[in-house]
Amino acid sequence: MYQVYLMKGEYEPWWFFEDWKTLVLSETSFPTYEEAVRSYNEHDEQLTSKYPFKKTKGNYLVAYWSEDESVYCESCEDDIQLYYGLMLLKNDKAIEETANTCN
């Protein structure tokens, strides 16, 4: 099973900290890789057009942001960048690069 996650939080999606699922705004599951990639690409187009900055790490792990979106961190007494993350996972794990899973 494949999942496409849209997230919002104080760090990029590829860190997979213990609480990463608490940052999920939406999750959609797909039985096939092709369906999941189609959904992922649609989300990517929307987010790319909305946010001026984008960084990709590995396969299907992307962070989007705008410098004017931040949240105040009380413990560090400073503003922290806010990120929107998009991930395509297989069984809730990052997809390893293979010939069958290339864009």
PDB file of N, CA and C in Angstrom:
ATOM      1  N   MET A   1       0.845  -1.175   0.000  1.00  0.00           N
ATOM      2  CA  MET A   1       0.000   0.000   0.000  1.00  0.00           C
ATOM      3  C   MET A   1       0.893   1.241   0.000  1.00  0.00           C
ATOM      4  N   TYR A   2       0.487   2.248  -0.756  1.00  0.00           N
ATOM      5  CA  TYR A   2       1.218   3.508  -0.870  1.00  0.00           C
ATOM      6  C   TYR A   2       0.416   4.622  -0.219  1.00  0.00           C
ATOM      7  N   GLN A   3       1.131   5.557   0.409  1.00  0.00           N
ATOM      8  CA  GLN A   3       0.488   6.688   1.066  1.00  0.00           C
ATOM      9  C   GLN A   3       1.086   7.995   0.560  1.00  0.00           C
ATOM     10  N   VAL A   4       0.216   8.977   0.355  1.00  0.00           N
ATOM     11  CA  VAL A   4       0.656  10.333   0.052  1.00  0.00           C
ATOM     12  C   VAL A   4       0.246  11.192   1.251  1.00  0.00           C
ATOM     13  N   TYR A   5       1.238  11.810   1.876  1.00  0.00           N
ATOM     14  CA  TYR A   5       1.016  12.639   3.058  1.00  0.00           C
ATOM     15  C   TYR A   5       1.302  14.098   2.733  1.00  0.00           C
ATOM     16  N   LEU A   6       0.445  14.970   3.221  1.00  0.00           N
ATOM     17  CA  LEU A   6       0.687  16.409   3.213  1.00  0.00           C
ATOM     18  C   LEU A   6       0.836  16.814   4.669  1.00  0.00           C
ATOM     19  N   MET A   7       1.930  17.518   4.972  1.00  0.00           N
ATOM     20  CA  MET A   7       2.250  17.861   6.356  1.00  0.00           C
ATOM     21  C   MET A   7       2.518  19.350   6.505  1.00  0.00           C
ATOM     22  N   LYS A   8       2.460  19.812   7.737  1.00  0.00           N
ATOM     23  CA  LYS A   8       2.801  21.190   8.063  1.00  0.00           C
ATOM     24  C   LYS A   8       3.495  21.174   9.420  1.00  0.00           C
ATOM     25  N   GLY A   9       4.715  21.736   9.470  1.00  0.00           N
ATOM     26  CA  GLY A   9       5.429  21.707  10.735  1.00  0.00           C
ATOM     27  C   GLY A   9       6.708  22.510  10.720  1.00  0.00           C
ATOM     28  N   GLU A  10       7.462  22.377  11.784  1.00  0.00           N
ATOM     29  CA  GLU A  10       8.666  23.161  12.005  1.00  0.00           C
ATOM     30  C   GLU A  10       9.923  22.497  11.455  1.00  0.00           C
ATOM     31  N   TYR A  11       9.774  21.386  10.771  1.00  0.00           N
ATOM     32  CA  TYR A  11      10.927  20.731  10.167  1.00  0.00           C
ATOM     33  C   TYR A  11      10.506  20.024   8.882  1.00  0.00           C
ATOM     34  N   GLU A  12      11.499  19.731   8.051  1.00  0.00           N
ATOM     35  CA  GLU A  12      11.251  19.092   6.776  1.00  0.00           C
ATOM     36  C   GLU A  12      10.786  17.653   6.981  1.00  0.00           C
ATOM     37  N   PRO A  13      10.022  17.115   6.035  1.00  0.00           N
ATOM     38  CA  PRO A  13       9.403  15.802   6.240  1.00  0.00           C
ATOM     39  C   PRO A  13      10.366  14.628   6.311  1.00  0.00           C
ATOM     40  N   TRP A  14      11.566  14.745   5.778  1.00  0.00           N
ATOM     41  CA  TRP A  14      12.460  13.590   5.735  1.00  0.00           C
ATOM     42  C   TRP A  14      13.107  13.248   7.058  1.00  0.00           C
ATOM     43  N   TRP A  15      12.880  14.018   8.091  1.00  0.00           N
ATOM     44  CA  TRP A  15      13.484  13.706   9.380  1.00  0.00           C
ATOM     45  C   TRP A  15      12.792  12.552  10.087  1.00  0.00           C
ATOM     46  N   PHE A  16      11.529  12.348   9.835  1.00  0.00           N
ATOM     47  CA  PHE A  16      10.778  11.239  10.447  1.00  0.00           C
ATOM     48  C   PHE A  16      10.994  11.155  11.958  1.00  0.00           C
ATOM     49  N   PHE A  17      10.885  12.315  12.620  1.00  0.00           N
ATOM     50  CA  PHE A  17      10.954  12.289  14.073  1.00  0.00           C
ATOM     51  C   PHE A  17       9.785  11.471  14.611  1.00  0.00           C
ATOM     52  N   GLU A  18       9.886  11.066  15.849  1.00  0.00           N
ATOM     53  CA  GLU A  18       8.891  10.190  16.463  1.00  0.00           C
ATOM     54  C   GLU A  18       7.461  10.710  16.316  1.00  0.00           C
ATOM     55  N   ASP A  19       7.300  12.027  16.365  1.00  0.00           N
ATOM     56  CA  ASP A  19       5.957  12.609  16.309  1.00  0.00           C
ATOM     57  C   ASP A  19       5.533  13.055  14.904  1.00  0.00           C
ATOM     58  N   TRP A  20       6.193  12.571  13.844  1.00  0.00           N
ATOM     59  CA  TRP A  20       5.940  13.103  12.508  1.00  0.00           C
ATOM     60  C   TRP A  20       4.483  12.989  12.085  1.00  0.00           C
ATOM     61  N   LYS A  21       3.785  11.963  12.531  1.00  0.00           N
ATOM     62  CA  LYS A  21       2.378  11.805  12.117  1.00  0.00           C
ATOM     63  C   LYS A  21       1.466  12.867  12.735  1.00  0.00           C
ATOM     64  N   THR A  22       1.902  13.535  13.792  1.00  0.00           N
ATOM     65  CA  THR A  22       1.081  14.603  14.370  1.00  0.00           C
ATOM     66  C   THR A  22       1.075  15.841  13.470  1.00  0.00           C
ATOM     67  N   LEU A  23       1.988  15.905  12.515  1.00  0.00           N
ATOM     68  CA  LEU A  23       2.083  17.038  11.601  1.00  0.00           C
ATOM     69  C   LEU A  23       1.270  16.838  10.321  1.00  0.00           C
ATOM     70  N   VAL A  24       0.646  15.682  10.174  1.00  0.00           N
ATOM     71  CA  VAL A  24      -0.065  15.337   8.945  1.00  0.00           C
ATOM     72  C   VAL A  24      -1.371  16.123   8.828  1.00  0.00           C
ATOM     73  N   LEU A  25      -1.513  16.818   7.688  1.00  0.00           N
ATOM     74  CA  LEU A  25      -2.755  17.522   7.373  1.00  0.00           C
ATOM     75  C   LEU A  25      -3.712  16.614   6.619  1.00  0.00           C
ATOM     76  N   SER A  26      -3.150  15.767   5.728  1.00  0.00           N
ATOM     77  CA  SER A  26      -3.980  14.813   4.997  1.00  0.00           C
ATOM     78  C   SER A  26      -3.154  13.597   4.618  1.00  0.00           C
ATOM     79  N   GLU A  27      -3.837  12.480   4.541  1.00  0.00           N
ATOM     80  CA  GLU A  27      -3.224  11.209   4.145  1.00  0.00           C
ATOM     81  C   GLU A  27      -4.191  10.506   3.210  1.00  0.00           C
ATOM     82  N   THR A  28      -3.660  10.037   2.090  1.00  0.00           N
ATOM     83  CA  THR A  28      -4.463   9.263   1.156  1.00  0.00           C
ATOM     84  C   THR A  28      -3.693   8.001   0.810  1.00  0.00           C
ATOM     85  N   SER A  29      -4.367   6.868   0.838  1.00  0.00           N
ATOM     86  CA  SER A  29      -3.738   5.584   0.527  1.00  0.00           C
ATOM     87  C   SER A  29      -4.151   5.124  -0.862  1.00  0.00           C
ATOM     88  N   PHE A  30      -3.219   4.430  -1.515  1.00  0.00           N
ATOM     89  CA  PHE A  30      -3.443   3.935  -2.870  1.00  0.00           C
ATOM     90  C   PHE A  30      -2.939   2.502  -2.982  1.00  0.00           C
ATOM     91  N   PRO A  31      -3.660   1.655  -3.702  1.00  0.00           N
ATOM     92  CA  PRO A  31      -3.210   0.274  -3.850  1.00  0.00           C
ATOM     93  C   PRO A  31      -2.048   0.123  -4.831  1.00  0.00           C
ATOM     94  N   THR A  32      -1.887   1.076  -5.761  1.00  0.00           N
ATOM     95  CA  THR A  32      -0.814   0.948  -6.744  1.00  0.00           C
ATOM     96  C   THR A  32       0.124   2.154  -6.704  1.00  0.00           C
ATOM     97  N   TYR A  33       1.342   1.882  -7.096  1.00  0.00           N
ATOM     98  CA  TYR A  33       2.367   2.916  -7.177  1.00  0.00           C
ATOM     99  C   TYR A  33       1.958   4.009  -8.166  1.00  0.00           C
ATOM    100  N   GLU A  34       1.427   3.620  -9.304  1.00  0.00           N
ATOM    101  CA  GLU A  34       1.045   4.578 -10.344  1.00  0.00           C
ATOM    102  C   GLU A  34      -0.007   5.567  -9.854  1.00  0.00           C
ATOM    103  N   GLU A  35      -1.000   5.089  -9.137  1.00  0.00           N
ATOM    104  CA  GLU A  35      -2.036   5.977  -8.590  1.00  0.00           C
ATOM    105  C   GLU A  35      -1.442   6.945  -7.567  1.00  0.00           C
ATOM    106  N   ALA A  36      -0.554   6.437  -6.739  1.00  0.00           N
ATOM    107  CA  ALA A  36       0.074   7.272  -5.715  1.00  0.00           C
ATOM    108  C   ALA A  36       0.941   8.353  -6.365  1.00  0.00           C
ATOM    109  N   VAL A  37       1.682   7.994  -7.391  1.00  0.00           N
ATOM    110  CA  VAL A  37       2.532   8.974  -8.077  1.00  0.00           C
ATOM    111  C   VAL A  37       1.687  10.051  -8.734  1.00  0.00           C
ATOM    112  N   ARG A  38       0.586   9.676  -9.315  1.00  0.00           N
ATOM    113  CA  ARG A  38      -0.314  10.653  -9.940  1.00  0.00           C
ATOM    114  C   ARG A  38      -0.796  11.670  -8.902  1.00  0.00           C
ATOM    115  N   SER A  39      -1.234  11.189  -7.754  1.00  0.00           N
ATOM    116  CA  SER A  39      -1.687  12.074  -6.680  1.00  0.00           C
ATOM    117  C   SER A  39      -0.539  12.939  -6.166  1.00  0.00           C
ATOM    118  N   TYR A  40       0.606  12.330  -5.942  1.00  0.00           N
ATOM    119  CA  TYR A  40       1.791  13.059  -5.478  1.00  0.00           C
ATOM    120  C   TYR A  40       2.126  14.197  -6.446  1.00  0.00           C
ATOM    121  N   ASN A  41       2.137  13.907  -7.738  1.00  0.00           N
ATOM    122  CA  ASN A  41       2.479  14.922  -8.751  1.00  0.00           C
ATOM    123  C   ASN A  41       1.468  16.066  -8.767  1.00  0.00           C
ATOM    124  N   GLU A  42       0.190  15.757  -8.559  1.00  0.00           N
ATOM    125  CA  GLU A  42      -0.836  16.810  -8.498  1.00  0.00           C
ATOM    126  C   GLU A  42      -0.588  17.731  -7.309  1.00  0.00           C
ATOM    127  N   HIS A  43      -0.306  17.141  -6.154  1.00  0.00           N
ATOM    128  CA  HIS A  43      -0.001  17.946  -4.957  1.00  0.00           C
ATOM    129  C   HIS A  43       1.264  18.768  -5.173  1.00  0.00           C
ATOM    130  N   ASP A  44       2.269  18.158  -5.784  1.00  0.00           N
ATOM    131  CA  ASP A  44       3.527  18.855  -6.031  1.00  0.00           C
ATOM    132  C   ASP A  44       3.306  20.086  -6.912  1.00  0.00           C
ATOM    133  N   GLU A  45       2.523  19.956  -7.950  1.00  0.00           N
ATOM    134  CA  GLU A  45       2.236  21.096  -8.824  1.00  0.00           C
ATOM    135  C   GLU A  45       1.557  22.226  -8.052  1.00  0.00           C
ATOM    136  N   GLN A  46       0.580  21.879  -7.224  1.00  0.00           N
ATOM    137  CA  GLN A  46      -0.137  22.890  -6.441  1.00  0.00           C
ATOM    138  C   GLN A  46       0.793  23.601  -5.460  1.00  0.00           C
ATOM    139  N   LEU A  47       1.587  22.825  -4.739  1.00  0.00           N
ATOM    140  CA  LEU A  47       2.477  23.408  -3.732  1.00  0.00           C
ATOM    141  C   LEU A  47       3.608  24.211  -4.368  1.00  0.00           C
ATOM    142  N   THR A  48       4.128  23.744  -5.485  1.00  0.00           N
ATOM    143  CA  THR A  48       5.191  24.458  -6.186  1.00  0.00           C
ATOM    144  C   THR A  48       4.703  25.816  -6.673  1.00  0.00           C
ATOM    145  N   SER A  49       3.446  25.869  -7.104  1.00  0.00           N
ATOM    146  CA  SER A  49       2.911  27.153  -7.578  1.00  0.00           C
ATOM    147  C   SER A  49       2.603  28.107  -6.422  1.00  0.00           C
ATOM    148  N   LYS A  50       2.418  27.574  -5.216  1.00  0.00           N
ATOM    149  CA  LYS A  50       2.047  28.394  -4.063  1.00  0.00           C
ATOM    150  C   LYS A  50       3.249  28.884  -3.250  1.00  0.00           C
ATOM    151  N   TYR A  51       4.308  28.085  -3.173  1.00  0.00           N
ATOM    152  CA  TYR A  51       5.455  28.412  -2.319  1.00  0.00           C
ATOM    153  C   TYR A  51       6.706  28.662  -3.152  1.00  0.00           C
ATOM    154  N   PRO A  52       7.431  29.735  -2.860  1.00  0.00           N
ATOM    155  CA  PRO A  52       8.595  30.080  -3.682  1.00  0.00           C
ATOM    156  C   PRO A  52       9.819  29.184  -3.464  1.00  0.00           C
ATOM    157  N   PHE A  53       9.879  28.483  -2.339  1.00  0.00           N
ATOM    158  CA  PHE A  53      11.040  27.648  -2.048  1.00  0.00           C
ATOM    159  C   PHE A  53      10.633  26.179  -1.968  1.00  0.00           C
ATOM    160  N   LYS A  54      11.539  25.337  -2.487  1.00  0.00           N
ATOM    161  CA  LYS A  54      11.260  23.899  -2.543  1.00  0.00           C
ATOM    162  C   LYS A  54      12.589  23.156  -2.443  1.00  0.00           C
ATOM    163  N   LYS A  55      12.616  22.113  -1.607  1.00  0.00           N
ATOM    164  CA  LYS A  55      13.807  21.278  -1.500  1.00  0.00           C
ATOM    165  C   LYS A  55      13.372  19.817  -1.469  1.00  0.00           C
ATOM    166  N   THR A  56      14.038  19.019  -2.276  1.00  0.00           N
ATOM    167  CA  THR A  56      13.739  17.595  -2.362  1.00  0.00           C
ATOM    168  C   THR A  56      14.885  16.809  -1.751  1.00  0.00           C
ATOM    169  N   LYS A  57      14.523  15.750  -1.047  1.00  0.00           N
ATOM    170  CA  LYS A  57      15.545  14.869  -0.485  1.00  0.00           C
ATOM    171  C   LYS A  57      15.103  13.435  -0.727  1.00  0.00           C
ATOM    172  N   GLY A  58      15.972  12.649  -1.320  1.00  0.00           N
ATOM    173  CA  GLY A  58      15.613  11.265  -1.603  1.00  0.00           C
ATOM    174  C   GLY A  58      14.470  11.203  -2.600  1.00  0.00           C
ATOM    175  N   ASN A  59      13.767  10.111  -2.556  1.00  0.00           N
ATOM    176  CA  ASN A  59      12.621   9.912  -3.440  1.00  0.00           C
ATOM    177  C   ASN A  59      11.340  10.358  -2.768  1.00  0.00           C
ATOM    178  N   TYR A  60      10.643  11.269  -3.398  1.00  0.00           N
ATOM    179  CA  TYR A  60       9.296  11.645  -2.980  1.00  0.00           C
ATOM    180  C   TYR A  60       9.209  12.254  -1.581  1.00  0.00           C
ATOM    181  N   LEU A  61      10.222  12.966  -1.166  1.00  0.00           N
ATOM    182  CA  LEU A  61      10.206  13.699   0.106  1.00  0.00           C
ATOM    183  C   LEU A  61      10.542  15.150  -0.224  1.00  0.00           C
ATOM    184  N   VAL A  62       9.562  16.045  -0.084  1.00  0.00           N
ATOM    185  CA  VAL A  62       9.744  17.427  -0.503  1.00  0.00           C
ATOM    186  C   VAL A  62       9.252  18.384   0.577  1.00  0.00           C
ATOM    187  N   ALA A  63      10.011  19.465   0.765  1.00  0.00           N
ATOM    188  CA  ALA A  63       9.607  20.543   1.669  1.00  0.00           C
ATOM    189  C   ALA A  63       9.373  21.799   0.836  1.00  0.00           C
ATOM    190  N   TYR A  64       8.322  22.527   1.159  1.00  0.00           N
ATOM    191  CA  TYR A  64       7.972  23.786   0.503  1.00  0.00           C
ATOM    192  C   TYR A  64       7.859  24.837   1.599  1.00  0.00           C
ATOM    193  N   TRP A  65       8.251  26.071   1.281  1.00  0.00           N
ATOM    194  CA  TRP A  65       8.109  27.117   2.279  1.00  0.00           C
ATOM    195  C   TRP A  65       8.165  28.498   1.658  1.00  0.00           C
ATOM    196  N   SER A  66       7.727  29.436   2.456  1.00  0.00           N
ATOM    197  CA  SER A  66       7.781  30.851   2.131  1.00  0.00           C
ATOM    198  C   SER A  66       8.434  31.522   3.329  1.00  0.00           C
ATOM    199  N   GLU A  67       9.352  32.433   3.083  1.00  0.00           N
ATOM    200  CA  GLU A  67      10.086  33.057   4.184  1.00  0.00           C
ATOM    201  C   GLU A  67       9.195  33.837   5.141  1.00  0.00           C
ATOM    202  N   ASP A  68       7.997  34.200   4.705  1.00  0.00           N
ATOM    203  CA  ASP A  68       7.125  34.975   5.588  1.00  0.00           C
ATOM    204  C   ASP A  68       6.207  34.101   6.443  1.00  0.00           C
ATOM    205  N   GLU A  69       6.356  32.792   6.390  1.00  0.00           N
ATOM    206  CA  GLU A  69       5.563  31.900   7.244  1.00  0.00           C
ATOM    207  C   GLU A  69       6.461  31.288   8.307  1.00  0.00           C
ATOM    208  N   SER A  70       6.224  31.683   9.537  1.00  0.00           N
ATOM    209  CA  SER A  70       7.001  31.142  10.646  1.00  0.00           C
ATOM    210  C   SER A  70       6.106  31.024  11.870  1.00  0.00           C
ATOM    211  N   VAL A  71       6.611  30.318  12.867  1.00  0.00           N
ATOM    212  CA  VAL A  71       5.918  30.192  14.142  1.00  0.00           C
ATOM    213  C   VAL A  71       6.897  30.582  15.247  1.00  0.00           C
ATOM    214  N   TYR A  72       6.358  31.121  16.314  1.00  0.00           N
ATOM    215  CA  TYR A  72       7.214  31.537  17.416  1.00  0.00           C
ATOM    216  C   TYR A  72       7.503  30.346  18.319  1.00  0.00           C
ATOM    217  N   CYS A  73       8.756  30.154  18.628  1.00  0.00           N
ATOM    218  CA  CYS A  73       9.203  29.083  19.523  1.00  0.00           C
ATOM    219  C   CYS A  73       9.494  29.710  20.882  1.00  0.00           C
ATOM    220  N   GLU A  74       8.675  29.370  21.866  1.00  0.00           N
ATOM    221  CA  GLU A  74       8.865  29.951  23.201  1.00  0.00           C
ATOM    222  C   GLU A  74      10.159  29.493  23.848  1.00  0.00           C
ATOM    223  N   SER A  75      10.507  28.222  23.706  1.00  0.00           N
ATOM    224  CA  SER A  75      11.704  27.715  24.372  1.00  0.00           C
ATOM    225  C   SER A  75      12.990  28.295  23.779  1.00  0.00           C
ATOM    226  N   CYS A  76      12.985  28.605  22.482  1.00  0.00           N
ATOM    227  CA  CYS A  76      14.195  29.208  21.891  1.00  0.00           C
ATOM    228  C   CYS A  76      14.054  30.711  21.702  1.00  0.00           C
ATOM    229  N   GLU A  77      12.889  31.248  22.049  1.00  0.00           N
ATOM    230  CA  GLU A  77      12.617  32.687  21.983  1.00  0.00           C
ATOM    231  C   GLU A  77      12.963  33.283  20.620  1.00  0.00           C
ATOM    232  N   ASP A  78      12.497  32.605  19.575  1.00  0.00           N
ATOM    233  CA  ASP A  78      12.772  33.060  18.218  1.00  0.00           C
ATOM    234  C   ASP A  78      11.717  32.489  17.271  1.00  0.00           C
ATOM    235  N   ASP A  79      11.638  33.076  16.097  1.00  0.00           N
ATOM    236  CA  ASP A  79      10.746  32.545  15.069  1.00  0.00           C
ATOM    237  C   ASP A  79      11.426  31.371  14.372  1.00  0.00           C
ATOM    238  N   ILE A  80      10.621  30.368  14.035  1.00  0.00           N
ATOM    239  CA  ILE A  80      11.111  29.182  13.340  1.00  0.00           C
ATOM    240  C   ILE A  80      10.354  29.061  12.032  1.00  0.00           C
ATOM    241  N   GLN A  81      11.082  28.712  10.976  1.00  0.00           N
ATOM    242  CA  GLN A  81      10.474  28.533   9.658  1.00  0.00           C
ATOM    243  C   GLN A  81       9.392  27.458   9.708  1.00  0.00           C
ATOM    244  N   LEU A  82       8.308  27.693   9.002  1.00  0.00           N
ATOM    245  CA  LEU A  82       7.222  26.727   8.883  1.00  0.00           C
ATOM    246  C   LEU A  82       7.329  26.062   7.515  1.00  0.00           C
ATOM    247  N   TYR A  83       7.266  24.736   7.490  1.00  0.00           N
ATOM    248  CA  TYR A  83       7.397  23.963   6.250  1.00  0.00           C
ATOM    249  C   TYR A  83       6.121  23.204   5.948  1.00  0.00           C
ATOM    250  N   TYR A  84       5.866  23.048   4.666  1.00  0.00           N
ATOM    251  CA  TYR A  84       4.824  22.143   4.195  1.00  0.00           C
ATOM    252  C   TYR A  84       5.561  20.978   3.559  1.00  0.00           C
ATOM    253  N   GLY A  85       5.211  19.788   3.943  1.00  0.00           N
ATOM    254  CA  GLY A  85       5.899  18.613   3.431  1.00  0.00           C
ATOM    255  C   GLY A  85       4.971  17.765   2.601  1.00  0.00           C
ATOM    256  N   LEU A  86       5.540  17.141   1.582  1.00  0.00           N
ATOM    257  CA  LEU A  86       4.811  16.194   0.744  1.00  0.00           C
ATOM    258  C   LEU A  86       5.646  14.928   0.682  1.00  0.00           C
ATOM    259  N   MET A  87       5.003  13.805   0.960  1.00  0.00           N
ATOM    260  CA  MET A  87       5.720  12.535   0.963  1.00  0.00           C
ATOM    261  C   MET A  87       4.890  11.471   0.268  1.00  0.00           C
ATOM    262  N   LEU A  88       5.572  10.633  -0.489  1.00  0.00           N
ATOM    263  CA  LEU A  88       4.961   9.425  -1.013  1.00  0.00           C
ATOM    264  C   LEU A  88       5.734   8.279  -0.380  1.00  0.00           C
ATOM    265  N   LEU A  89       5.031   7.470   0.382  1.00  0.00           N
ATOM    266  CA  LEU A  89       5.660   6.374   1.114  1.00  0.00           C
ATOM    267  C   LEU A  89       5.052   5.042   0.699  1.00  0.00           C
ATOM    268  N   LYS A  90       5.782   3.986   0.960  1.00  0.00           N
ATOM    269  CA  LYS A  90       5.251   2.635   0.769  1.00  0.00           C
ATOM    270  C   LYS A  90       5.217   1.992   2.147  1.00  0.00           C
ATOM    271  N   ASN A  91       4.026   1.635   2.599  1.00  0.00           N
ATOM    272  CA  ASN A  91       3.842   1.065   3.938  1.00  0.00           C
ATOM    273  C   ASN A  91       4.479   1.945   5.010  1.00  0.00           C
ATOM    274  N   ASP A  92       4.259   3.259   4.874  1.00  0.00           N
ATOM    275  CA  ASP A  92       4.753   4.279   5.802  1.00  0.00           C
ATOM    276  C   ASP A  92       6.271   4.338   5.920  1.00  0.00           C
ATOM    277  N   LYS A  93       6.971   3.918   4.876  1.00  0.00           N
ATOM    278  CA  LYS A  93       8.430   4.014   4.845  1.00  0.00           C
ATOM    279  C   LYS A  93       8.853   4.675   3.542  1.00  0.00           C
ATOM    280  N   ALA A  94       9.970   5.399   3.595  1.00  0.00           N
ATOM    281  CA  ALA A  94      10.484   6.073   2.407  1.00  0.00           C
ATOM    282  C   ALA A  94      10.766   5.051   1.312  1.00  0.00           C
ATOM    283  N   ILE A  95      10.502   5.450   0.087  1.00  0.00           N
ATOM    284  CA  ILE A  95      10.706   4.564  -1.064  1.00  0.00           C
ATOM    285  C   ILE A  95      12.151   4.665  -1.514  1.00  0.00           C
ATOM    286  N   GLU A  96      12.816   3.524  -1.582  1.00  0.00           N
ATOM    287  CA  GLU A  96      14.204   3.481  -2.039  1.00  0.00           C
ATOM    288  C   GLU A  96      14.221   3.611  -3.555  1.00  0.00           C
ATOM    289  N   GLU A  97      15.261   4.250  -4.070  1.00  0.00           N
ATOM    290  CA  GLU A  97      15.372   4.459  -5.512  1.00  0.00           C
ATOM    291  C   GLU A  97      15.671   3.140  -6.213  1.00  0.00           C
ATOM    292  N   THR A  98      14.808   2.790  -7.156  1.00  0.00           N
ATOM    293  CA  THR A  98      15.020   1.626  -8.005  1.00  0.00           C
ATOM    294  C   THR A  98      14.554   1.979  -9.398  1.00  0.00           C
ATOM    295  N   ALA A  99      14.826   1.139 -10.337  1.00  0.00           N
ATOM    296  CA  ALA A  99      14.402   1.380 -11.721  1.00  0.00           C
ATOM    297  C   ALA A  99      12.887   1.418 -11.823  1.00  0.00           C
ATOM    298  N   ASN A 100      12.181   0.736 -10.940  1.00  0.00           N
ATOM    299  CA  ASN A 100      10.723   0.677 -10.992  1.00  0.00           C
ATOM    300  C   ASN A 100      10.035   1.852 -10.311  1.00  0.00           C
ATOM    301  N   THR A 101      10.761   2.682  -9.586  1.00  0.00           N
ATOM    302  CA  THR A 101      10.115   3.771  -8.858  1.00  0.00           C
ATOM    303  C   THR A 101      10.671   5.130  -9.242  1.00  0.00           C
ATOM    304  N   CYS A 102      11.195   5.249 -10.418  1.00  0.00           N
ATOM    305  CA  CYS A 102      11.698   6.553 -10.879  1.00  0.00           C
ATOM    306  C   CYS A 102      10.548   7.389 -11.396  1.00  0.00           C
ATOM    307  N   ASN A 103      10.710   8.718 -11.315  1.00  0.00           N
ATOM    308  CA  ASN A 103       9.700   9.647 -11.829  1.00  0.00           C
ATOM    309  C   ASN A 103       9.579   9.547 -13.309  1.00  0.00           C
TER     310      ASN A 103
END
